[in-house]
């Protein structure tokens, strides 16, 4: 006797196929099972496996605001800001405004670097005055010698 599912050889006492586990019908003559074509199982249609997508958290992006925030300065702008910051009172006020404003990061960083160089220059000037006073050196005496 053969299994109708996998066509494995079975004994008369088997109730299930020892190869595929399919139940075997009893009282089927041997020649009838041989005449019958082995049945192929119908393919099982499975739904495609879908995995949950991870959630992506991001801040909303505003293109126009970012374009103004990161706008580059032209070479003429650097020259113009140098002239503007060199004006005695108004230039210093605008320098402080640009140092602490966050409208344009490039302009703010340039103003901060200009402010740092201004502080360093003032520190060197004060140090030169202190040293010249300590050693009795005067620029006026030096100028009178060469004139």
N, C-alpha and C. Protein backbone atom coordinates (compact mmCIF):
# COMPACT_ATOMS: atom_id res chain seq x y z
N UNK A 1 0.85 -1.17 0.00
CA UNK A 1 0.00 0.00 0.00
C UNK A 1 0.90 1.24 0.00
N UNK A 2 0.51 2.25 -0.77
CA UNK A 2 1.28 3.50 -0.88
C UNK A 2 0.47 4.67 -0.33
N UNK A 3 1.19 5.67 0.18
CA UNK A 3 0.54 6.90 0.69
C UNK A 3 -0.02 7.68 -0.49
N UNK A 4 -1.26 8.13 -0.43
CA UNK A 4 -1.82 8.92 -1.54
C UNK A 4 -1.19 10.31 -1.65
N UNK A 5 -0.53 10.78 -0.59
CA UNK A 5 0.05 12.13 -0.61
C UNK A 5 1.48 12.12 -1.14
N UNK A 6 2.33 11.27 -0.55
CA UNK A 6 3.74 11.30 -0.94
C UNK A 6 4.20 10.03 -1.64
N UNK A 7 3.33 9.07 -1.79
CA UNK A 7 3.58 7.82 -2.51
C UNK A 7 4.64 6.97 -1.80
N UNK A 8 4.74 7.07 -0.48
CA UNK A 8 5.66 6.24 0.29
C UNK A 8 5.02 4.87 0.54
N UNK A 9 5.82 3.86 0.68
CA UNK A 9 5.33 2.51 0.91
C UNK A 9 4.88 2.37 2.35
N UNK A 10 3.65 1.87 2.54
CA UNK A 10 3.06 1.72 3.87
C UNK A 10 2.66 0.26 4.08
N UNK A 11 2.48 -0.09 5.32
CA UNK A 11 1.94 -1.42 5.63
C UNK A 11 0.44 -1.32 5.78
N UNK A 12 -0.25 -2.47 5.87
CA UNK A 12 -1.72 -2.48 5.96
C UNK A 12 -2.20 -1.91 7.29
N UNK A 13 -1.39 -2.01 8.33
CA UNK A 13 -1.83 -1.58 9.66
C UNK A 13 -1.62 -0.08 9.91
N UNK A 14 -0.91 0.62 9.03
CA UNK A 14 -0.62 2.05 9.25
C UNK A 14 -1.89 2.87 9.07
N UNK A 15 -2.12 3.75 10.03
CA UNK A 15 -3.25 4.69 9.93
C UNK A 15 -2.77 6.06 9.45
N UNK A 16 -1.46 6.32 9.63
CA UNK A 16 -0.86 7.58 9.18
C UNK A 16 0.41 7.24 8.41
N UNK A 17 0.76 8.07 7.48
CA UNK A 17 1.97 7.88 6.68
C UNK A 17 3.18 8.15 7.58
N UNK A 18 4.15 7.26 7.52
CA UNK A 18 5.36 7.44 8.34
C UNK A 18 6.29 8.48 7.73
N UNK A 19 6.06 8.88 6.49
CA UNK A 19 6.90 9.86 5.81
C UNK A 19 6.34 11.27 5.96
N UNK A 20 5.06 11.46 5.61
CA UNK A 20 4.51 12.83 5.62
C UNK A 20 3.49 13.06 6.71
N UNK A 21 3.00 12.00 7.40
CA UNK A 21 2.07 12.18 8.49
C UNK A 21 0.63 12.30 8.05
N UNK A 22 0.33 12.12 6.79
CA UNK A 22 -1.02 12.23 6.25
C UNK A 22 -1.85 11.01 6.71
N UNK A 23 -3.12 11.19 7.12
CA UNK A 23 -3.94 10.02 7.48
C UNK A 23 -4.18 9.15 6.23
N UNK A 24 -4.14 7.86 6.44
CA UNK A 24 -4.31 6.92 5.34
C UNK A 24 -5.69 6.29 5.46
N UNK A 25 -6.44 6.29 4.38
CA UNK A 25 -7.77 5.67 4.37
C UNK A 25 -7.62 4.16 4.38
N UNK A 26 -8.41 3.46 5.21
CA UNK A 26 -8.37 2.00 5.30
C UNK A 26 -9.30 1.39 4.25
N UNK A 27 -9.11 0.17 3.96
CA UNK A 27 -9.94 -0.61 3.04
C UNK A 27 -9.84 -0.12 1.61
N UNK A 28 -8.69 0.40 1.19
CA UNK A 28 -8.48 0.79 -0.19
C UNK A 28 -7.63 -0.31 -0.82
N UNK A 29 -8.08 -0.87 -1.92
CA UNK A 29 -7.28 -1.91 -2.54
C UNK A 29 -5.99 -1.33 -3.08
N UNK A 30 -4.98 -2.20 -3.16
CA UNK A 30 -3.67 -1.74 -3.60
C UNK A 30 -3.68 -1.25 -5.03
N UNK A 31 -4.35 -1.94 -5.90
CA UNK A 31 -4.34 -1.53 -7.30
C UNK A 31 -5.09 -0.22 -7.51
N UNK A 32 -6.06 0.09 -6.68
CA UNK A 32 -6.78 1.38 -6.81
C UNK A 32 -5.87 2.53 -6.42
N UNK A 33 -5.04 2.32 -5.40
CA UNK A 33 -4.15 3.40 -5.00
C UNK A 33 -3.03 3.60 -6.01
N UNK A 34 -2.65 2.47 -6.67
CA UNK A 34 -1.62 2.60 -7.69
C UNK A 34 -2.16 3.29 -8.93
N UNK A 35 -3.42 3.05 -9.25
CA UNK A 35 -4.02 3.66 -10.44
C UNK A 35 -4.25 5.15 -10.24
N UNK A 36 -4.52 5.51 -9.02
CA UNK A 36 -4.79 6.92 -8.76
C UNK A 36 -3.47 7.69 -8.79
N UNK A 37 -3.52 8.82 -9.44
CA UNK A 37 -2.32 9.66 -9.51
C UNK A 37 -2.08 10.30 -8.14
N UNK A 38 -0.84 10.44 -7.80
CA UNK A 38 -0.59 11.08 -6.51
C UNK A 38 -1.09 12.52 -6.53
N UNK A 39 -1.83 12.86 -5.52
CA UNK A 39 -2.40 14.20 -5.44
C UNK A 39 -1.33 15.17 -4.96
N UNK A 40 -1.20 16.25 -5.68
CA UNK A 40 -0.27 17.29 -5.26
C UNK A 40 -1.03 18.29 -4.42
N UNK A 41 -0.47 18.65 -3.32
CA UNK A 41 -1.19 19.60 -2.48
C UNK A 41 -1.29 20.95 -3.16
N UNK A 42 -2.41 21.61 -2.95
CA UNK A 42 -2.63 22.94 -3.52
C UNK A 42 -1.70 23.93 -2.81
N UNK A 43 -1.07 24.80 -3.56
CA UNK A 43 -0.19 25.77 -2.91
C UNK A 43 -0.99 26.70 -2.00
N UNK A 44 -0.43 26.92 -0.86
CA UNK A 44 -1.09 27.78 0.12
C UNK A 44 -0.64 29.21 -0.14
N UNK A 45 -1.59 30.08 -0.35
CA UNK A 45 -1.28 31.49 -0.58
C UNK A 45 -1.11 32.17 0.77
N UNK A 46 0.05 32.70 0.96
CA UNK A 46 0.33 33.41 2.21
C UNK A 46 0.34 34.90 1.94
N UNK A 47 -0.15 35.63 2.91
CA UNK A 47 -0.09 37.08 2.79
C UNK A 47 1.35 37.53 3.00
N UNK A 48 1.78 38.56 2.29
CA UNK A 48 3.16 39.02 2.48
C UNK A 48 3.35 39.53 3.91
N UNK A 49 4.51 39.24 4.42
CA UNK A 49 4.82 39.65 5.79
C UNK A 49 5.15 41.13 5.79
N UNK A 50 4.47 41.85 6.63
CA UNK A 50 4.75 43.29 6.76
C UNK A 50 5.25 43.54 8.17
N UNK A 51 6.33 44.24 8.24
CA UNK A 51 6.92 44.58 9.53
C UNK A 51 6.57 46.01 9.87
N UNK A 52 6.35 46.28 11.13
CA UNK A 52 6.02 47.67 11.48
C UNK A 52 7.20 48.59 11.21
N UNK A 53 6.89 49.73 10.64
CA UNK A 53 7.93 50.71 10.33
C UNK A 53 8.27 51.50 11.59
N UNK A 54 9.55 51.74 11.84
CA UNK A 54 9.91 52.53 13.02
C UNK A 54 9.47 53.98 12.83
N UNK A 55 9.07 54.58 13.93
CA UNK A 55 8.66 55.97 13.87
C UNK A 55 9.89 56.86 13.84
N UNK A 56 9.86 57.83 12.97
CA UNK A 56 10.97 58.77 12.85
C UNK A 56 10.50 60.09 13.42
N UNK A 57 11.23 60.56 14.40
CA UNK A 57 10.90 61.83 15.03
C UNK A 57 11.87 62.88 14.53
N UNK A 58 11.36 63.94 14.00
CA UNK A 58 12.22 65.02 13.53
C UNK A 58 11.50 66.34 13.73
N UNK A 59 12.27 67.37 13.85
CA UNK A 59 11.72 68.70 14.01
C UNK A 59 11.24 69.20 12.65
N UNK A 60 10.20 69.98 12.64
CA UNK A 60 9.76 70.52 11.35
C UNK A 60 10.83 71.43 10.77
N UNK A 61 10.99 71.33 9.49
CA UNK A 61 12.03 72.09 8.81
C UNK A 61 11.38 73.26 8.09
N UNK A 62 11.84 74.44 8.40
CA UNK A 62 11.36 75.62 7.69
C UNK A 62 12.48 76.11 6.80
N UNK A 63 12.31 75.94 5.51
CA UNK A 63 13.38 76.23 4.55
C UNK A 63 13.69 77.73 4.49
N UNK A 64 12.66 78.57 4.51
CA UNK A 64 12.91 80.00 4.33
C UNK A 64 13.63 80.57 5.55
N UNK A 65 13.25 80.14 6.75
CA UNK A 65 13.90 80.66 7.94
C UNK A 65 15.36 80.22 7.99
N UNK A 66 15.63 78.97 7.61
CA UNK A 66 17.00 78.49 7.63
C UNK A 66 17.85 79.17 6.57
N UNK A 67 17.27 79.51 5.43
CA UNK A 67 18.06 80.16 4.38
C UNK A 67 18.52 81.54 4.83
N UNK A 68 17.71 82.25 5.58
CA UNK A 68 18.12 83.56 6.10
C UNK A 68 19.10 83.40 7.26
N UNK A 69 18.92 82.33 8.03
CA UNK A 69 19.77 82.13 9.20
C UNK A 69 21.19 81.78 8.81
N UNK A 70 21.36 81.03 7.72
CA UNK A 70 22.69 80.59 7.30
C UNK A 70 23.17 81.29 6.03
N UNK A 71 22.63 82.46 5.75
CA UNK A 71 23.03 83.19 4.55
C UNK A 71 24.50 83.59 4.64
N UNK A 72 25.24 83.31 3.59
CA UNK A 72 26.67 83.62 3.59
C UNK A 72 26.91 85.10 3.36
N UNK A 73 28.02 85.59 3.89
CA UNK A 73 28.41 86.98 3.68
C UNK A 73 29.35 87.06 2.48
N UNK A 74 29.15 88.07 1.67
CA UNK A 74 30.03 88.28 0.52
C UNK A 74 31.30 88.99 0.98
N UNK A 75 32.34 88.99 0.16
CA UNK A 75 33.56 89.73 0.53
C UNK A 75 33.29 91.22 0.74
N UNK A 76 32.37 91.77 -0.04
CA UNK A 76 32.01 93.20 0.16
C UNK A 76 31.37 93.42 1.51
N UNK A 77 30.61 92.42 1.98
CA UNK A 77 29.97 92.55 3.29
C UNK A 77 31.02 92.62 4.40
N UNK A 78 32.06 91.81 4.28
CA UNK A 78 33.14 91.86 5.29
C UNK A 78 33.82 93.23 5.31
N UNK A 79 34.10 93.78 4.14
CA UNK A 79 34.71 95.11 4.07
C UNK A 79 33.77 96.15 4.64
N UNK A 80 32.49 96.04 4.29
CA UNK A 80 31.50 96.99 4.80
C UNK A 80 31.35 96.92 6.30
N UNK A 81 31.33 95.71 6.85
CA UNK A 81 31.22 95.58 8.30
C UNK A 81 32.49 96.07 9.00
N UNK A 82 33.65 95.90 8.38
CA UNK A 82 34.88 96.47 8.96
C UNK A 82 34.78 97.98 9.07
N UNK A 83 34.31 98.61 8.00
CA UNK A 83 34.16 100.08 8.02
C UNK A 83 33.11 100.48 9.03
N UNK A 84 31.98 99.76 9.06
CA UNK A 84 30.89 100.09 9.98
C UNK A 84 31.33 99.95 11.43
N UNK A 85 32.04 98.88 11.75
CA UNK A 85 32.46 98.65 13.13
C UNK A 85 33.58 99.60 13.55
N UNK A 86 34.24 100.24 12.61
CA UNK A 86 35.32 101.18 12.94
C UNK A 86 34.81 102.56 13.30
N UNK A 87 33.54 102.85 13.05
CA UNK A 87 32.96 104.14 13.45
C UNK A 87 32.91 104.14 14.98
N UNK A 88 33.40 105.23 15.62
CA UNK A 88 33.62 105.17 17.07
C UNK A 88 32.43 104.75 17.93
N UNK A 89 31.33 105.43 17.97
CA UNK A 89 30.26 105.10 18.92
C UNK A 89 29.20 104.22 18.27
N UNK A 90 28.71 104.65 17.12
CA UNK A 90 27.65 103.90 16.44
C UNK A 90 28.15 102.52 16.01
N UNK A 91 29.37 102.47 15.55
CA UNK A 91 29.94 101.19 15.14
C UNK A 91 30.05 100.21 16.29
N UNK A 92 30.43 100.71 17.47
CA UNK A 92 30.53 99.83 18.64
C UNK A 92 29.16 99.34 19.08
N UNK A 93 28.16 100.22 19.00
CA UNK A 93 26.78 99.81 19.36
C UNK A 93 26.29 98.74 18.38
N UNK A 94 26.50 98.97 17.09
CA UNK A 94 26.08 97.98 16.10
C UNK A 94 26.88 96.68 16.23
N UNK A 95 28.14 96.79 16.60
CA UNK A 95 28.94 95.59 16.84
C UNK A 95 28.33 94.75 17.95
N UNK A 96 27.92 95.38 19.04
CA UNK A 96 27.28 94.65 20.13
C UNK A 96 25.93 94.06 19.71
N UNK A 97 25.17 94.82 18.92
CA UNK A 97 23.88 94.31 18.44
C UNK A 97 24.09 93.08 17.58
N UNK A 98 25.05 93.12 16.66
CA UNK A 98 25.30 91.97 15.79
C UNK A 98 25.92 90.80 16.54
N UNK A 99 26.66 91.09 17.63
CA UNK A 99 27.24 90.01 18.42
C UNK A 99 26.18 89.17 19.12
N UNK A 100 25.11 89.79 19.55
CA UNK A 100 24.11 89.09 20.34
C UNK A 100 22.82 88.83 19.58
N UNK A 101 22.79 89.13 18.29
CA UNK A 101 21.62 88.83 17.47
C UNK A 101 21.81 87.46 16.85
N UNK A 102 20.72 86.74 16.60
CA UNK A 102 20.85 85.44 15.97
C UNK A 102 20.12 85.38 14.63
N UNK A 103 19.94 86.52 14.00
CA UNK A 103 19.25 86.56 12.72
C UNK A 103 20.08 85.89 11.62
N UNK A 104 21.37 86.17 11.58
CA UNK A 104 22.27 85.55 10.59
C UNK A 104 23.50 85.05 11.35
N UNK A 105 23.70 83.74 11.35
CA UNK A 105 24.79 83.16 12.14
C UNK A 105 26.16 83.58 11.64
N UNK A 106 26.33 83.74 10.34
CA UNK A 106 27.63 84.13 9.81
C UNK A 106 27.99 85.56 10.21
N UNK A 107 27.02 86.46 10.15
CA UNK A 107 27.27 87.84 10.57
C UNK A 107 27.53 87.90 12.06
N UNK A 108 26.79 87.12 12.84
CA UNK A 108 26.99 87.10 14.29
C UNK A 108 28.39 86.59 14.63
N UNK A 109 28.83 85.54 13.96
CA UNK A 109 30.16 85.00 14.23
C UNK A 109 31.26 85.99 13.82
N UNK A 110 31.05 86.68 12.69
CA UNK A 110 32.05 87.67 12.28
C UNK A 110 32.10 88.83 13.28
N UNK A 111 30.94 89.28 13.76
CA UNK A 111 30.91 90.37 14.74
C UNK A 111 31.58 89.94 16.04
N UNK A 112 31.38 88.68 16.42
CA UNK A 112 32.03 88.20 17.65
C UNK A 112 33.55 88.14 17.48
N UNK A 113 34.01 87.72 16.31
CA UNK A 113 35.46 87.67 16.10
C UNK A 113 36.04 89.08 16.07
N UNK A 114 35.31 90.03 15.46
CA UNK A 114 35.76 91.43 15.45
C UNK A 114 35.81 91.97 16.88
N UNK A 115 34.80 91.63 17.67
CA UNK A 115 34.75 92.09 19.07
C UNK A 115 35.91 91.51 19.86
N UNK A 116 36.22 90.23 19.66
CA UNK A 116 37.35 89.61 20.36
C UNK A 116 38.67 90.28 19.96
N UNK A 117 38.84 90.56 18.67
CA UNK A 117 40.08 91.22 18.24
C UNK A 117 40.15 92.65 18.80
N UNK A 118 39.01 93.30 18.93
CA UNK A 118 38.97 94.64 19.52
C UNK A 118 39.38 94.58 20.99
N UNK A 119 38.88 93.61 21.72
CA UNK A 119 39.24 93.45 23.14
C UNK A 119 40.74 93.15 23.27
N UNK A 120 41.26 92.28 22.40
CA UNK A 120 42.70 91.96 22.44
C UNK A 120 43.53 93.19 22.11
N UNK A 121 43.11 93.99 21.14
CA UNK A 121 43.82 95.22 20.79
C UNK A 121 43.83 96.22 21.93
N UNK A 122 42.68 96.37 22.60
CA UNK A 122 42.61 97.29 23.73
C UNK A 122 43.52 96.79 24.87
N UNK A 123 43.53 95.50 25.11
CA UNK A 123 44.39 94.92 26.15
C UNK A 123 45.87 95.17 25.83
N UNK A 124 46.28 94.99 24.59
CA UNK A 124 47.68 95.23 24.20
C UNK A 124 48.03 96.71 24.34
N UNK A 125 47.11 97.61 23.98
CA UNK A 125 47.34 99.05 24.11
C UNK A 125 47.52 99.43 25.58
N UNK A 126 46.66 98.91 26.44
CA UNK A 126 46.78 99.23 27.87
C UNK A 126 48.07 98.66 28.45
N UNK A 127 48.44 97.47 28.03
CA UNK A 127 49.69 96.87 28.48
C UNK A 127 50.89 97.70 28.03
N UNK A 128 50.85 98.23 26.80
CA UNK A 128 51.95 99.07 26.30
C UNK A 128 52.03 100.37 27.09
N UNK A 129 50.89 100.95 27.45
CA UNK A 129 50.90 102.17 28.26
C UNK A 129 51.49 101.90 29.65
N UNK A 130 51.11 100.79 30.23
CA UNK A 130 51.62 100.47 31.57
C UNK A 130 53.14 100.23 31.52
N UNK A 131 53.60 99.50 30.52
CA UNK A 131 55.04 99.23 30.41
C UNK A 131 55.82 100.50 30.12
N UNK A 132 55.26 101.37 29.26
CA UNK A 132 55.98 102.62 28.96
C UNK A 132 56.04 103.52 30.19
N UNK A 133 55.01 103.52 31.02
CA UNK A 133 55.02 104.32 32.25
C UNK A 133 56.00 103.72 33.27
N UNK A 134 56.09 102.40 33.29
CA UNK A 134 56.97 101.75 34.25
C UNK A 134 58.43 101.97 33.90
N UNK A 135 58.76 102.00 32.62
CA UNK A 135 60.16 102.16 32.21
C UNK A 135 60.49 103.60 31.84
N UNK A 136 59.59 104.53 32.01
CA UNK A 136 59.86 105.93 31.73
C UNK A 136 60.02 106.24 30.25
N UNK A 137 59.37 105.48 29.45
CA UNK A 137 59.48 105.65 28.01
C UNK A 137 58.27 106.43 27.54
N UNK A 138 58.48 107.41 26.70
CA UNK A 138 57.38 108.22 26.19
C UNK A 138 57.48 108.29 24.68
N UNK A 139 56.37 108.21 24.05
CA UNK A 139 56.34 108.32 22.59
C UNK A 139 56.66 109.75 22.16
N UNK A 140 56.33 110.71 22.99
CA UNK A 140 56.61 112.10 22.65
C UNK A 140 58.13 112.35 22.63
N UNK A 141 58.85 111.76 23.56
CA UNK A 141 60.31 111.93 23.58
C UNK A 141 60.92 111.28 22.35
N UNK A 142 60.40 110.14 21.98
CA UNK A 142 60.90 109.43 20.79
C UNK A 142 60.61 110.24 19.53
N UNK A 143 59.46 110.87 19.46
CA UNK A 143 59.11 111.66 18.28
C UNK A 143 59.97 112.91 18.23
N UNK A 144 60.33 113.53 19.35
CA UNK A 144 61.16 114.73 19.35
C UNK A 144 62.59 114.42 18.92
N UNK A 145 63.08 113.23 19.19
CA UNK A 145 64.42 112.87 18.78
C UNK A 145 64.54 112.78 17.26
N UNK A 146 63.57 112.26 16.63
CA UNK A 146 63.64 112.06 15.17
C UNK A 146 63.17 113.27 14.38
N UNK A 147 62.66 114.29 15.00
CA UNK A 147 62.20 115.45 14.27
C UNK A 147 63.17 116.55 14.29
